[in-house]
Amino acid sequence: MNPVALTAKMGMADAGIAAVLGYAVVFVGLILLMAVVILMGKAMAGTRKQAEAPAPTAAAPAAPAAPTGTPAPGSAGEVKLFDVPDKEAAILMAIVADKMGKPLNELRFKSIKEVK
């Protein structure tokens, strides 16, 4: 049968039912797609947590503090400070080390200068 002829014979009620059924099919498809995306996200989050979980280790004793005036083991040496107080430089270096996730003695700071 010709689809144009079929729609011409449709009444207002039949057209409304066809429209509602069409919308329902689209929304059911979107809901199924959303469920698949959520399930895949949970599956990927689960594998990421397993990969990031550190292996349990015995508690290591704390390292003794280095005497004042001697550089820490692995220290990279002197830092040139340009118009920056020692306290602010230390805070900046600690923040950079924390954000990078590395110990401070593994980073090398050549100079610190305030930008105005």
N, C-alpha and C. Protein backbone atom coordinates (compact mmCIF):
# COMPACT_ATOMS: atom_id res chain seq x y z
N MET A 1 0.82 -1.18 0.00
CA MET A 1 0.00 0.00 0.00
C MET A 1 0.87 1.25 0.00
N ASN A 2 0.41 2.27 -0.60
CA ASN A 2 1.11 3.53 -0.69
C ASN A 2 1.00 4.26 0.65
N PRO A 3 2.16 4.68 1.27
CA PRO A 3 2.09 5.35 2.57
C PRO A 3 1.34 6.66 2.52
N VAL A 4 1.40 7.36 1.40
CA VAL A 4 0.68 8.64 1.29
C VAL A 4 -0.81 8.38 1.33
N ALA A 5 -1.25 7.35 0.65
CA ALA A 5 -2.68 7.02 0.64
C ALA A 5 -3.12 6.57 2.02
N LEU A 6 -2.22 5.87 2.75
CA LEU A 6 -2.57 5.38 4.08
C LEU A 6 -2.74 6.55 5.05
N THR A 7 -1.84 7.53 4.99
CA THR A 7 -1.96 8.67 5.89
C THR A 7 -3.15 9.55 5.53
N ALA A 8 -3.53 9.56 4.28
CA ALA A 8 -4.68 10.36 3.88
C ALA A 8 -5.96 9.77 4.46
N LYS A 9 -6.00 8.46 4.67
CA LYS A 9 -7.19 7.81 5.21
C LYS A 9 -7.20 7.81 6.73
N MET A 10 -6.11 8.23 7.36
CA MET A 10 -6.02 8.24 8.82
C MET A 10 -6.90 9.33 9.39
N GLY A 11 -7.56 9.00 10.46
CA GLY A 11 -8.35 10.00 11.17
C GLY A 11 -7.49 10.73 12.18
N MET A 12 -8.08 11.70 12.84
CA MET A 12 -7.35 12.47 13.82
C MET A 12 -6.93 11.60 15.00
N ALA A 13 -7.74 10.68 15.43
CA ALA A 13 -7.42 9.79 16.55
C ALA A 13 -6.27 8.86 16.17
N ASP A 14 -6.29 8.31 14.95
CA ASP A 14 -5.22 7.41 14.51
C ASP A 14 -3.88 8.15 14.42
N ALA A 15 -3.92 9.38 13.93
CA ALA A 15 -2.70 10.18 13.82
C ALA A 15 -2.14 10.48 15.22
N GLY A 16 -3.01 10.77 16.17
CA GLY A 16 -2.57 11.03 17.54
C GLY A 16 -1.92 9.80 18.17
N ILE A 17 -2.55 8.64 17.94
CA ILE A 17 -1.99 7.39 18.48
C ILE A 17 -0.63 7.10 17.84
N ALA A 18 -0.50 7.31 16.55
CA ALA A 18 0.78 7.08 15.86
C ALA A 18 1.86 8.02 16.40
N ALA A 19 1.49 9.27 16.65
CA ALA A 19 2.46 10.23 17.18
C ALA A 19 2.90 9.84 18.58
N VAL A 20 1.94 9.46 19.43
CA VAL A 20 2.28 9.07 20.80
C VAL A 20 3.15 7.83 20.80
N LEU A 21 2.85 6.86 19.97
CA LEU A 21 3.67 5.65 19.88
C LEU A 21 5.07 5.97 19.36
N GLY A 22 5.16 6.88 18.43
CA GLY A 22 6.48 7.28 17.93
C GLY A 22 7.32 7.94 19.01
N TYR A 23 6.70 8.86 19.77
CA TYR A 23 7.42 9.49 20.87
C TYR A 23 7.83 8.46 21.91
N ALA A 24 6.94 7.51 22.20
CA ALA A 24 7.24 6.48 23.21
C ALA A 24 8.44 5.64 22.77
N VAL A 25 8.51 5.28 21.50
CA VAL A 25 9.64 4.49 21.01
C VAL A 25 10.94 5.28 21.16
N VAL A 26 10.91 6.55 20.85
CA VAL A 26 12.12 7.38 20.97
C VAL A 26 12.55 7.48 22.43
N PHE A 27 11.62 7.74 23.33
CA PHE A 27 11.99 7.88 24.74
C PHE A 27 12.46 6.55 25.34
N VAL A 28 11.87 5.45 24.96
CA VAL A 28 12.35 4.15 25.45
C VAL A 28 13.77 3.90 24.95
N GLY A 29 14.04 4.25 23.71
CA GLY A 29 15.40 4.11 23.19
C GLY A 29 16.39 4.98 23.94
N LEU A 30 16.01 6.22 24.25
CA LEU A 30 16.88 7.11 25.02
C LEU A 30 17.12 6.59 26.43
N ILE A 31 16.09 6.05 27.05
CA ILE A 31 16.24 5.50 28.40
C ILE A 31 17.17 4.30 28.38
N LEU A 32 17.04 3.44 27.39
CA LEU A 32 17.95 2.29 27.28
C LEU A 32 19.39 2.74 27.04
N LEU A 33 19.56 3.73 26.21
CA LEU A 33 20.91 4.26 25.95
C LEU A 33 21.50 4.86 27.22
N MET A 34 20.68 5.59 28.00
CA MET A 34 21.14 6.16 29.25
C MET A 34 21.55 5.06 30.23
N ALA A 35 20.79 3.99 30.30
CA ALA A 35 21.12 2.87 31.19
C ALA A 35 22.45 2.24 30.80
N VAL A 36 22.68 2.08 29.50
CA VAL A 36 23.94 1.50 29.04
C VAL A 36 25.11 2.40 29.41
N VAL A 37 24.96 3.70 29.23
CA VAL A 37 26.04 4.64 29.56
C VAL A 37 26.33 4.62 31.06
N ILE A 38 25.31 4.59 31.89
CA ILE A 38 25.50 4.55 33.34
C ILE A 38 26.19 3.26 33.75
N LEU A 39 25.76 2.14 33.22
CA LEU A 39 26.39 0.86 33.55
C LEU A 39 27.85 0.82 33.12
N MET A 40 28.15 1.34 31.94
CA MET A 40 29.54 1.36 31.48
C MET A 40 30.38 2.28 32.37
N GLY A 41 29.81 3.40 32.78
CA GLY A 41 30.53 4.31 33.68
C GLY A 41 30.85 3.66 35.01
N LYS A 42 29.89 2.93 35.58
CA LYS A 42 30.13 2.22 36.84
C LYS A 42 31.16 1.12 36.66
N ALA A 43 31.12 0.43 35.54
CA ALA A 43 32.08 -0.64 35.28
C ALA A 43 33.48 -0.07 35.15
N MET A 44 33.62 1.05 34.46
CA MET A 44 34.94 1.68 34.30
C MET A 44 35.44 2.25 35.63
N ALA A 45 34.55 2.81 36.43
CA ALA A 45 34.95 3.35 37.73
C ALA A 45 35.42 2.22 38.64
N GLY A 46 34.78 1.08 38.55
CA GLY A 46 35.19 -0.08 39.35
C GLY A 46 36.56 -0.58 38.96
N THR A 47 36.86 -0.62 37.67
CA THR A 47 38.19 -1.08 37.25
C THR A 47 39.24 -0.04 37.62
N ARG A 48 38.91 1.24 37.59
CA ARG A 48 39.87 2.28 37.95
C ARG A 48 40.20 2.18 39.44
N LYS A 49 39.20 1.95 40.30
CA LYS A 49 39.44 1.84 41.73
C LYS A 49 40.32 0.64 42.03
N GLN A 50 40.12 -0.46 41.32
CA GLN A 50 40.94 -1.64 41.54
C GLN A 50 42.38 -1.38 41.13
N ALA A 51 42.59 -0.64 40.05
CA ALA A 51 43.94 -0.37 39.57
C ALA A 51 44.65 0.62 40.49
N GLU A 52 43.93 1.56 41.09
CA GLU A 52 44.55 2.57 41.93
C GLU A 52 44.75 2.12 43.36
N ALA A 53 44.11 1.06 43.79
CA ALA A 53 44.21 0.61 45.17
C ALA A 53 45.64 0.17 45.44
N PRO A 54 46.31 0.79 46.43
CA PRO A 54 47.67 0.39 46.73
C PRO A 54 47.70 -0.95 47.45
N ALA A 55 48.76 -1.68 47.23
CA ALA A 55 48.91 -2.96 47.91
C ALA A 55 49.19 -2.69 49.38
N PRO A 56 48.60 -3.49 50.27
CA PRO A 56 48.84 -3.27 51.70
C PRO A 56 50.31 -3.55 52.03
N THR A 57 50.92 -2.63 52.75
CA THR A 57 52.32 -2.78 53.15
C THR A 57 52.43 -2.58 54.64
N ALA A 58 53.51 -3.08 55.19
CA ALA A 58 53.76 -2.90 56.61
C ALA A 58 54.11 -1.44 56.86
N ALA A 59 53.73 -0.94 58.02
CA ALA A 59 54.00 0.45 58.34
C ALA A 59 55.50 0.64 58.51
N ALA A 60 56.05 1.58 57.77
CA ALA A 60 57.48 1.86 57.85
C ALA A 60 57.73 2.87 58.96
N PRO A 61 58.82 2.71 59.70
CA PRO A 61 59.10 3.69 60.75
C PRO A 61 59.43 5.04 60.13
N ALA A 62 59.11 6.09 60.84
CA ALA A 62 59.34 7.44 60.34
C ALA A 62 60.84 7.70 60.26
N ALA A 63 61.25 8.38 59.19
CA ALA A 63 62.67 8.70 59.03
C ALA A 63 63.05 9.80 60.01
N PRO A 64 64.23 9.71 60.59
CA PRO A 64 64.64 10.77 61.52
C PRO A 64 64.85 12.08 60.77
N ALA A 65 64.56 13.16 61.44
CA ALA A 65 64.70 14.48 60.82
C ALA A 65 66.17 14.81 60.63
N ALA A 66 66.48 15.45 59.50
CA ALA A 66 67.86 15.85 59.23
C ALA A 66 68.22 17.02 60.11
N PRO A 67 69.46 17.07 60.56
CA PRO A 67 69.86 18.21 61.39
C PRO A 67 69.74 19.51 60.61
N THR A 68 69.48 20.60 61.32
CA THR A 68 69.31 21.90 60.68
C THR A 68 70.62 22.33 60.02
N GLY A 69 70.52 22.87 58.82
CA GLY A 69 71.69 23.36 58.12
C GLY A 69 72.22 22.40 57.08
N THR A 70 71.84 21.14 57.15
CA THR A 70 72.29 20.17 56.15
C THR A 70 71.15 19.89 55.20
N PRO A 71 71.43 19.77 53.92
CA PRO A 71 70.35 19.51 52.97
C PRO A 71 69.80 18.09 53.14
N ALA A 72 68.55 17.93 52.78
CA ALA A 72 67.90 16.62 52.85
C ALA A 72 68.52 15.69 51.83
N PRO A 73 68.45 14.38 52.06
CA PRO A 73 69.00 13.45 51.07
C PRO A 73 68.32 13.67 49.72
N GLY A 74 69.11 13.81 48.68
CA GLY A 74 68.56 14.02 47.35
C GLY A 74 68.24 15.47 47.08
N SER A 75 68.66 16.37 47.95
CA SER A 75 68.37 17.80 47.75
C SER A 75 69.05 18.30 46.49
N ALA A 76 68.38 19.20 45.80
CA ALA A 76 68.90 19.71 44.54
C ALA A 76 69.74 20.96 44.70
N GLY A 77 70.02 21.39 45.92
CA GLY A 77 70.92 22.52 46.11
C GLY A 77 70.21 23.83 46.38
N GLU A 78 70.86 24.91 46.00
CA GLU A 78 70.41 26.26 46.31
C GLU A 78 69.29 26.73 45.38
N VAL A 79 68.47 27.65 45.91
CA VAL A 79 67.40 28.28 45.15
C VAL A 79 67.64 29.78 45.22
N LYS A 80 67.64 30.44 44.10
CA LYS A 80 67.80 31.89 44.07
C LYS A 80 66.43 32.53 44.27
N LEU A 81 66.33 33.39 45.27
CA LEU A 81 65.07 34.07 45.57
C LEU A 81 65.19 35.54 45.18
N PHE A 82 64.23 36.01 44.40
CA PHE A 82 64.20 37.40 43.96
C PHE A 82 62.97 38.07 44.55
N ASP A 83 63.18 38.89 45.58
CA ASP A 83 62.11 39.63 46.26
C ASP A 83 61.01 38.73 46.80
N VAL A 84 61.39 37.53 47.27
CA VAL A 84 60.43 36.60 47.85
C VAL A 84 60.98 36.17 49.21
N PRO A 85 60.21 36.34 50.29
CA PRO A 85 60.68 35.89 51.60
C PRO A 85 60.85 34.36 51.64
N ASP A 86 61.73 33.89 52.51
CA ASP A 86 62.00 32.46 52.62
C ASP A 86 60.73 31.66 52.92
N LYS A 87 59.89 32.19 53.80
CA LYS A 87 58.66 31.47 54.18
C LYS A 87 57.74 31.28 52.99
N GLU A 88 57.54 32.34 52.18
CA GLU A 88 56.67 32.23 51.01
C GLU A 88 57.26 31.26 49.98
N ALA A 89 58.58 31.27 49.81
CA ALA A 89 59.21 30.35 48.87
C ALA A 89 59.01 28.92 49.32
N ALA A 90 59.14 28.66 50.61
CA ALA A 90 58.94 27.31 51.13
C ALA A 90 57.50 26.85 50.92
N ILE A 91 56.55 27.76 51.14
CA ILE A 91 55.14 27.41 50.95
C ILE A 91 54.87 27.10 49.48
N LEU A 92 55.41 27.92 48.58
CA LEU A 92 55.21 27.69 47.15
C LEU A 92 55.79 26.35 46.71
N MET A 93 57.00 26.04 47.19
CA MET A 93 57.62 24.77 46.82
C MET A 93 56.82 23.59 47.35
N ALA A 94 56.28 23.71 48.58
CA ALA A 94 55.47 22.64 49.15
C ALA A 94 54.18 22.44 48.35
N ILE A 95 53.56 23.53 47.92
CA ILE A 95 52.33 23.44 47.13
C ILE A 95 52.60 22.77 45.79
N VAL A 96 53.70 23.16 45.12
CA VAL A 96 54.04 22.55 43.83
C VAL A 96 54.30 21.06 44.00
N ALA A 97 55.05 20.69 45.04
CA ALA A 97 55.34 19.27 45.28
C ALA A 97 54.06 18.49 45.55
N ASP A 98 53.13 19.09 46.32
CA ASP A 98 51.87 18.41 46.63
C ASP A 98 51.03 18.22 45.38
N LYS A 99 50.91 19.27 44.56
CA LYS A 99 50.10 19.18 43.35
C LYS A 99 50.68 18.18 42.35
N MET A 100 52.02 18.08 42.31
CA MET A 100 52.66 17.14 41.39
C MET A 100 52.70 15.73 41.96
N GLY A 101 52.45 15.59 43.25
CA GLY A 101 52.45 14.27 43.87
C GLY A 101 53.85 13.69 44.01
N LYS A 102 54.85 14.55 44.16
CA LYS A 102 56.23 14.09 44.27
C LYS A 102 56.82 14.64 45.57
N PRO A 103 57.78 13.92 46.15
CA PRO A 103 58.47 14.46 47.33
C PRO A 103 59.25 15.71 46.95
N LEU A 104 59.36 16.62 47.90
CA LEU A 104 60.02 17.89 47.64
C LEU A 104 61.48 17.71 47.25
N ASN A 105 62.14 16.70 47.81
CA ASN A 105 63.57 16.53 47.50
C ASN A 105 63.81 15.91 46.13
N GLU A 106 62.76 15.55 45.41
CA GLU A 106 62.92 15.05 44.05
C GLU A 106 62.71 16.16 43.01
N LEU A 107 62.31 17.34 43.47
CA LEU A 107 62.09 18.46 42.56
C LEU A 107 63.28 19.42 42.65
N ARG A 108 63.53 20.11 41.57
CA ARG A 108 64.63 21.09 41.55
C ARG A 108 64.06 22.46 41.21
N PHE A 109 64.23 23.38 42.14
CA PHE A 109 63.81 24.75 41.93
C PHE A 109 65.06 25.57 41.71
N LYS A 110 65.16 26.24 40.58
CA LYS A 110 66.33 27.05 40.28
C LYS A 110 66.21 28.45 40.88
N SER A 111 65.04 29.07 40.69
CA SER A 111 64.82 30.40 41.24
C SER A 111 63.33 30.63 41.41
N ILE A 112 63.02 31.55 42.32
CA ILE A 112 61.63 31.94 42.55
C ILE A 112 61.59 33.46 42.51
N LYS A 113 60.72 33.98 41.67
CA LYS A 113 60.62 35.41 41.48
C LYS A 113 59.15 35.82 41.50
N GLU A 114 58.84 36.89 42.21
CA GLU A 114 57.47 37.38 42.25
C GLU A 114 57.17 38.13 40.97
N VAL A 115 56.07 37.78 40.33
CA VAL A 115 55.65 38.45 39.11
C VAL A 115 54.65 39.52 39.49
N LYS A 116 54.92 40.74 39.07
CA LYS A 116 54.04 41.85 39.44
C LYS A 116 53.28 42.36 38.26
